[in-house]
């Protein structure tokens, strides 16, 4: 009986870690896209200024 409780606790911890990892990946992808958009805007602005 104690073994089942330990298995459930370990499973919950692993799911929590996976959830945090997915949040981090999502945040990284969004940041990458924002940076990419800013770089494109900067290049367009430089072309317009010249």
N, C-alpha and C. Protein backbone atom coordinates (compact mmCIF):
# COMPACT_ATOMS: atom_id res chain seq x y z
N UNK A 1 0.82 -1.20 0.00
CA UNK A 1 0.00 0.00 0.00
C UNK A 1 0.87 1.27 0.00
N UNK A 2 1.92 1.25 0.78
CA UNK A 2 2.82 2.42 0.83
C UNK A 2 3.51 2.60 -0.52
N UNK A 3 3.81 1.48 -1.18
CA UNK A 3 4.48 1.56 -2.48
C UNK A 3 3.60 2.29 -3.49
N UNK A 4 2.30 2.05 -3.46
CA UNK A 4 1.39 2.72 -4.39
C UNK A 4 1.36 4.23 -4.16
N UNK A 5 1.38 4.62 -2.91
CA UNK A 5 1.40 6.05 -2.58
C UNK A 5 2.68 6.70 -3.10
N UNK A 6 3.79 6.01 -2.94
CA UNK A 6 5.07 6.54 -3.42
C UNK A 6 5.04 6.65 -4.94
N UNK A 7 4.51 5.62 -5.63
CA UNK A 7 4.41 5.67 -7.08
C UNK A 7 3.55 6.85 -7.54
N UNK A 8 2.45 7.09 -6.86
CA UNK A 8 1.56 8.19 -7.23
C UNK A 8 2.27 9.53 -7.02
N UNK A 9 2.96 9.68 -5.91
CA UNK A 9 3.68 10.93 -5.64
C UNK A 9 4.77 11.16 -6.69
N UNK A 10 5.54 10.14 -7.02
CA UNK A 10 6.60 10.26 -8.03
C UNK A 10 6.00 10.61 -9.39
N UNK A 11 4.87 9.98 -9.73
CA UNK A 11 4.20 10.27 -11.00
C UNK A 11 3.74 11.72 -11.05
N UNK A 12 3.17 12.22 -9.97
CA UNK A 12 2.73 13.61 -9.93
C UNK A 12 3.91 14.57 -10.08
N UNK A 13 5.01 14.26 -9.44
CA UNK A 13 6.21 15.10 -9.56
C UNK A 13 6.71 15.11 -11.00
N UNK A 14 6.73 13.95 -11.65
CA UNK A 14 7.19 13.88 -13.03
C UNK A 14 6.27 14.67 -13.96
N UNK A 15 4.95 14.57 -13.75
CA UNK A 15 4.03 15.35 -14.57
C UNK A 15 4.23 16.84 -14.36
N UNK A 16 4.51 17.24 -13.13
CA UNK A 16 4.77 18.65 -12.85
C UNK A 16 6.03 19.13 -13.56
N UNK A 17 7.06 18.31 -13.56
CA UNK A 17 8.31 18.66 -14.25
C UNK A 17 8.07 18.78 -15.75
N UNK A 18 7.30 17.86 -16.32
CA UNK A 18 6.98 17.93 -17.75
C UNK A 18 6.18 19.18 -18.05
N UNK A 19 5.25 19.54 -17.17
CA UNK A 19 4.44 20.75 -17.36
C UNK A 19 5.33 22.00 -17.36
N UNK A 20 6.26 22.08 -16.42
CA UNK A 20 7.17 23.23 -16.36
C UNK A 20 8.05 23.26 -17.60
N UNK A 21 8.50 22.11 -18.08
CA UNK A 21 9.33 22.06 -19.28
C UNK A 21 8.55 22.57 -20.49
N UNK A 22 7.29 22.19 -20.61
CA UNK A 22 6.47 22.65 -21.73
C UNK A 22 6.24 24.16 -21.66
N UNK A 23 6.04 24.68 -20.47
CA UNK A 23 5.89 26.13 -20.32
C UNK A 23 7.17 26.85 -20.75
N UNK A 24 8.32 26.31 -20.38
CA UNK A 24 9.59 26.91 -20.75
C UNK A 24 9.82 26.87 -22.25
N UNK A 25 9.48 25.76 -22.88
CA UNK A 25 9.64 25.65 -24.33
C UNK A 25 8.73 26.66 -25.03
N UNK A 26 7.50 26.76 -24.55
CA UNK A 26 6.55 27.71 -25.14
C UNK A 26 7.05 29.14 -25.00
N UNK A 27 7.56 29.48 -23.84
CA UNK A 27 8.09 30.82 -23.61
C UNK A 27 9.30 31.09 -24.51
N UNK A 28 10.16 30.12 -24.68
CA UNK A 28 11.33 30.28 -25.54
C UNK A 28 10.94 30.49 -26.99
N UNK A 29 9.95 29.75 -27.47
CA UNK A 29 9.51 29.91 -28.85
C UNK A 29 8.90 31.29 -29.07
N UNK A 30 8.10 31.74 -28.11
CA UNK A 30 7.52 33.08 -28.24
C UNK A 30 8.60 34.16 -28.25
N UNK A 31 9.58 34.03 -27.39
CA UNK A 31 10.67 35.01 -27.34
C UNK A 31 11.46 35.01 -28.64
N UNK A 32 11.70 33.83 -29.18
CA UNK A 32 12.44 33.73 -30.43
C UNK A 32 11.68 34.42 -31.56
N UNK A 33 10.37 34.23 -31.61
CA UNK A 33 9.56 34.86 -32.65
C UNK A 33 9.54 36.38 -32.50
N UNK A 34 9.48 36.87 -31.27
CA UNK A 34 9.49 38.32 -31.04
C UNK A 34 10.82 38.91 -31.48
N UNK A 35 11.92 38.24 -31.15
CA UNK A 35 13.24 38.73 -31.56
C UNK A 35 13.35 38.74 -33.07
N UNK A 36 12.83 37.67 -33.70
CA UNK A 36 12.91 37.59 -35.16
C UNK A 36 12.11 38.74 -35.80
N UNK A 37 10.94 39.05 -35.25
CA UNK A 37 10.14 40.16 -35.78
C UNK A 37 10.86 41.49 -35.61
N UNK A 38 11.50 41.68 -34.48
CA UNK A 38 12.23 42.92 -34.23
C UNK A 38 13.41 43.07 -35.19
N UNK A 39 14.10 41.98 -35.48
CA UNK A 39 15.23 42.04 -36.41
C UNK A 39 14.73 42.43 -37.81
N UNK A 40 13.62 41.84 -38.22
CA UNK A 40 13.07 42.16 -39.54
C UNK A 40 12.65 43.62 -39.60
N UNK A 41 12.01 44.12 -38.54
CA UNK A 41 11.60 45.53 -38.51
C UNK A 41 12.82 46.45 -38.57
N UNK A 42 13.87 46.11 -37.86
CA UNK A 42 15.09 46.93 -37.86
C UNK A 42 15.72 46.97 -39.25
N UNK A 43 15.73 45.84 -39.93
CA UNK A 43 16.29 45.81 -41.29
C UNK A 43 15.46 46.68 -42.23
N UNK A 44 14.13 46.61 -42.09
CA UNK A 44 13.27 47.43 -42.95
C UNK A 44 13.45 48.91 -42.66
N UNK A 45 13.60 49.26 -41.41
CA UNK A 45 13.80 50.67 -41.04
C UNK A 45 15.13 51.19 -41.57
N UNK A 46 16.16 50.36 -41.54
CA UNK A 46 17.47 50.78 -42.05
C UNK A 46 17.40 51.02 -43.55
N UNK A 47 16.66 50.16 -44.26
CA UNK A 47 16.54 50.32 -45.71
C UNK A 47 15.78 51.61 -46.05
N UNK A 48 14.77 51.94 -45.26
CA UNK A 48 13.98 53.14 -45.50
C UNK A 48 14.80 54.41 -45.23
N UNK A 49 15.67 54.34 -44.24
CA UNK A 49 16.47 55.51 -43.88
C UNK A 49 17.52 55.85 -44.92
N UNK A 50 17.97 54.86 -45.67
CA UNK A 50 19.01 55.12 -46.65
C UNK A 50 18.39 55.50 -47.91
